[in-house]
C-alpha atoms as a PDB file:
ATOM      1  CA  MET A   1     -37.516  -8.761   4.987  1.00  0.00           C
ATOM      2  CA  LYS A   2     -38.783 -11.880   3.240  1.00  0.00           C
ATOM      3  CA  LEU A   3     -40.085 -11.324  -0.263  1.00  0.00           C
ATOM      4  CA  GLU A   4     -43.190 -13.183  -1.287  1.00  0.00           C
ATOM      5  CA  ASN A   5     -42.180 -15.120  -4.389  1.00  0.00           C
ATOM      6  CA  GLN A   6     -45.767 -15.014  -5.665  1.00  0.00           C
ATOM      7  CA  LYS A   7     -45.364 -11.266  -6.239  1.00  0.00           C
ATOM      8  CA  PHE A   8     -42.016 -11.800  -7.968  1.00  0.00           C
ATOM      9  CA  PRO A   9     -42.309 -14.922 -10.158  1.00  0.00           C
ATOM     10  CA  TRP A  10     -38.790 -14.456 -11.551  1.00  0.00           C
ATOM     11  CA  LEU A  11     -37.216 -14.511  -8.074  1.00  0.00           C
ATOM     12  CA  ASP A  12     -37.009 -18.300  -7.686  1.00  0.00           C
ATOM     13  CA  ALA A  13     -35.289 -18.739 -11.045  1.00  0.00           C
ATOM     14  CA  MET A  14     -32.900 -15.878 -10.306  1.00  0.00           C
ATOM     15  CA  GLU A  15     -32.007 -17.300  -6.879  1.00  0.00           C
ATOM     16  CA  PHE A  16     -31.440 -20.762  -8.340  1.00  0.00           C
ATOM     17  CA  GLU A  17     -29.192 -19.408 -11.119  1.00  0.00           C
ATOM     18  CA  LEU A  18     -27.146 -17.245  -8.749  1.00  0.00           C
ATOM     19  CA  ASN A  19     -26.761 -20.068  -6.218  1.00  0.00           C
ATOM     20  CA  HIS A  20     -25.588 -22.411  -8.979  1.00  0.00           C
ATOM     21  CA  ARG A  21     -23.136 -19.829 -10.341  1.00  0.00           C
ATOM     22  CA  VAL A  22     -21.611 -19.050  -6.953  1.00  0.00           C
ATOM     23  CA  THR A  23     -21.316 -22.626  -5.684  1.00  0.00           C
ATOM     24  CA  HIS A  24     -19.958 -23.836  -9.030  1.00  0.00           C
ATOM     25  CA  TYR A  25     -17.332 -21.071  -8.970  1.00  0.00           C
ATOM     26  CA  LEU A  26     -16.353 -21.832  -5.368  1.00  0.00           C
ATOM     27  CA  MET A  27     -16.042 -25.573  -6.050  1.00  0.00           C
ATOM     28  CA  ARG A  28     -13.723 -24.884  -8.989  1.00  0.00           C
ATOM     29  CA  GLN A  29     -11.700 -21.972  -7.632  1.00  0.00           C
ATOM     30  CA  HIS A  30     -11.720 -21.836  -3.825  1.00  0.00           C
ATOM     31  CA  LYS A  31      -9.559 -24.417  -2.022  1.00  0.00           C
ATOM     32  CA  ASP A  32     -10.842 -23.513   1.458  1.00  0.00           C
ATOM     33  CA  TYR A  33     -14.439 -24.026   0.308  1.00  0.00           C
ATOM     34  CA  CYS A  34     -13.552 -27.425  -1.140  1.00  0.00           C
ATOM     35  CA  ASN A  35     -11.724 -28.370   2.069  1.00  0.00           C
ATOM     36  CA  LEU A  36     -14.772 -27.442   4.143  1.00  0.00           C
ATOM     37  CA  LEU A  37     -17.016 -29.578   1.920  1.00  0.00           C
ATOM     38  CA  GLU A  38     -14.579 -32.471   2.223  1.00  0.00           C
ATOM     39  CA  GLN A  39     -14.471 -32.148   6.018  1.00  0.00           C
ATOM     40  CA  ILE A  40     -18.277 -32.269   6.120  1.00  0.00           C
ATOM     41  CA  LYS A  41     -18.324 -35.355   3.903  1.00  0.00           C
ATOM     42  CA  GLU A  42     -15.770 -37.080   6.156  1.00  0.00           C
ATOM     43  CA  LEU A  43     -17.745 -36.189   9.293  1.00  0.00           C
ATOM     44  CA  MET A  44     -20.979 -37.515   7.812  1.00  0.00           C
ATOM     45  CA  ASP A  45     -19.252 -40.713   6.651  1.00  0.00           C
ATOM     46  CA  GLN A  46     -17.702 -41.226  10.070  1.00  0.00           C
ATOM     47  CA  PHE A  47     -20.858 -40.281  12.002  1.00  0.00           C
ATOM     48  CA  PRO A  48     -24.036 -41.391  10.149  1.00  0.00           C
ATOM     49  CA  ALA A  49     -26.082 -40.080  13.085  1.00  0.00           C
ATOM     50  CA  ILE A  50     -25.492 -36.545  11.762  1.00  0.00           C
ATOM     51  CA  ALA A  51     -27.446 -37.329   8.585  1.00  0.00           C
ATOM     52  CA  LYS A  52     -30.214 -38.936  10.651  1.00  0.00           C
ATOM     53  CA  LEU A  53     -30.361 -35.880  12.877  1.00  0.00           C
ATOM     54  CA  ILE A  54     -30.659 -33.580   9.859  1.00  0.00           C
ATOM     55  CA  ASP A  55     -32.988 -35.650   7.677  1.00  0.00           C
ATOM     56  CA  GLU A  56     -35.313 -37.546   9.984  1.00  0.00           C
ATOM     57  CA  ARG A  57     -38.017 -36.455  12.387  1.00  0.00           C
ATOM     58  CA  GLN A  58     -37.689 -39.091  15.051  1.00  0.00           C
ATOM     59  CA  GLU A  59     -36.131 -39.217  18.464  1.00  0.00           C
ATOM     60  CA  LEU A  60     -32.401 -39.731  18.301  1.00  0.00           C
ATOM     61  CA  ARG A  61     -29.807 -40.077  21.013  1.00  0.00           C
ATOM     62  CA  LEU A  62     -26.258 -39.014  20.330  1.00  0.00           C
ATOM     63  CA  SER A  63     -23.122 -40.193  22.035  1.00  0.00           C
ATOM     64  CA  GLU A  64     -20.710 -37.567  23.296  1.00  0.00           C
ATOM     65  CA  LYS A  65     -18.513 -38.085  20.200  1.00  0.00           C
ATOM     66  CA  GLU A  66     -21.514 -37.820  17.868  1.00  0.00           C
ATOM     67  CA  HIS A  67     -22.631 -34.644  19.595  1.00  0.00           C
ATOM     68  CA  GLY A  68     -19.165 -33.152  19.194  1.00  0.00           C
ATOM     69  CA  ALA A  69     -19.154 -34.186  15.535  1.00  0.00           C
ATOM     70  CA  TYR A  70     -22.561 -32.555  15.034  1.00  0.00           C
ATOM     71  CA  LEU A  71     -21.309 -29.321  16.594  1.00  0.00           C
ATOM     72  CA  GLU A  72     -18.294 -29.446  14.256  1.00  0.00           C
ATOM     73  CA  TYR A  73     -20.646 -30.072  11.320  1.00  0.00           C
ATOM     74  CA  ARG A  74     -22.646 -26.965  12.246  1.00  0.00           C
ATOM     75  CA  ARG A  75     -19.461 -24.881  12.542  1.00  0.00           C
ATOM     76  CA  LEU A  76     -18.310 -26.044   9.103  1.00  0.00           C
ATOM     77  CA  ARG A  77     -21.754 -25.285   7.597  1.00  0.00           C
ATOM     78  CA  GLU A  78     -21.586 -21.775   9.070  1.00  0.00           C
ATOM     79  CA  GLU A  79     -18.168 -21.240   7.471  1.00  0.00           C
ATOM     80  CA  ILE A  80     -19.507 -22.459   4.134  1.00  0.00           C
ATOM     81  CA  GLY A  81     -22.521 -20.177   4.482  1.00  0.00           C
ATOM     82  CA  ALA A  82     -20.297 -17.189   5.234  1.00  0.00           C
ATOM     83  CA  LEU A  83     -18.141 -17.882   2.176  1.00  0.00           C
ATOM     84  CA  GLU A  84     -21.199 -18.294  -0.035  1.00  0.00           C
ATOM     85  CA  LEU A  85     -22.724 -15.064   1.293  1.00  0.00           C
ATOM     86  CA  LYS A  86     -19.494 -13.187   0.586  1.00  0.00           C
ATOM     87  CA  TYR A  87     -19.417 -14.506  -2.983  1.00  0.00           C
ATOM     88  CA  PHE A  88     -23.143 -13.801  -3.520  1.00  0.00           C
ATOM     89  CA  TYR A  89     -22.358 -10.195  -2.633  1.00  0.00           C
ATOM     90  CA  LEU A  90     -19.344 -10.125  -4.956  1.00  0.00           C
ATOM     91  CA  ALA A  91     -21.384 -11.698  -7.775  1.00  0.00           C
ATOM     92  CA  GLY A  92     -23.940  -8.929  -7.327  1.00  0.00           C
ATOM     93  CA  GLN A  93     -21.182  -6.346  -7.618  1.00  0.00           C
ATOM     94  CA  VAL A  94     -19.918  -7.972 -10.810  1.00  0.00           C
ATOM     95  CA  ASP A  95     -23.437  -8.139 -12.237  1.00  0.00           C
ATOM     96  CA  ILE A  96     -24.127  -4.450 -11.564  1.00  0.00           C
ATOM     97  CA  MET A  97     -20.990  -3.166 -13.337  1.00  0.00           C
ATOM     98  CA  PRO A  98     -22.375  -3.356 -16.914  1.00  0.00           C
ATOM     99  CA  TYR A  99     -25.518  -1.512 -15.770  1.00  0.00           C
ATOM    100  CA  MET A 100     -23.424   1.201 -14.130  1.00  0.00           C
ATOM    101  CA  HIS A 101     -21.430   1.712 -17.319  1.00  0.00           C
ATOM    102  CA  THR A 102     -24.646   1.913 -19.338  1.00  0.00           C
ATOM    103  CA  LEU A 103     -26.140   4.452 -16.946  1.00  0.00           C
ATOM    104  CA  GLN A 104     -22.977   6.544 -17.006  1.00  0.00           C
ATOM    105  CA  GLY A 105     -23.043   6.505 -20.814  1.00  0.00           C
ATOM    106  CA  LEU A 106     -26.689   7.558 -20.861  1.00  0.00           C
ATOM    107  CA  SER A 107     -26.126  10.385 -18.395  1.00  0.00           C
ATOM    108  CA  LYS A 108     -23.369  11.831 -20.632  1.00  0.00           C
ATOM    109  CA  GLU A 109     -25.754  12.071 -23.585  1.00  0.00           C
END
């Protein structure tokens, strides 16, 4: 279900902050994440057609090697997305812990 950000004005800022927190953490602490980013950078340096395919809206023909590189790029992006999703979930769990402790303290009173 897609939330309409107009009904929740704080949602954009919250998403931006969480995305920054998670990606910053992964870039500092997760070697596999950094390796995936490096592989993407190398692919895009070696095959500039990938950037054209992603960024431009014009007809583009790819060689067999470029097509294979693009498929590898997509696979790497999916791996990055899966790691980010996992850490978004974990960040949510970390964020909820103080609230849970507060609620448990209130229920004891």
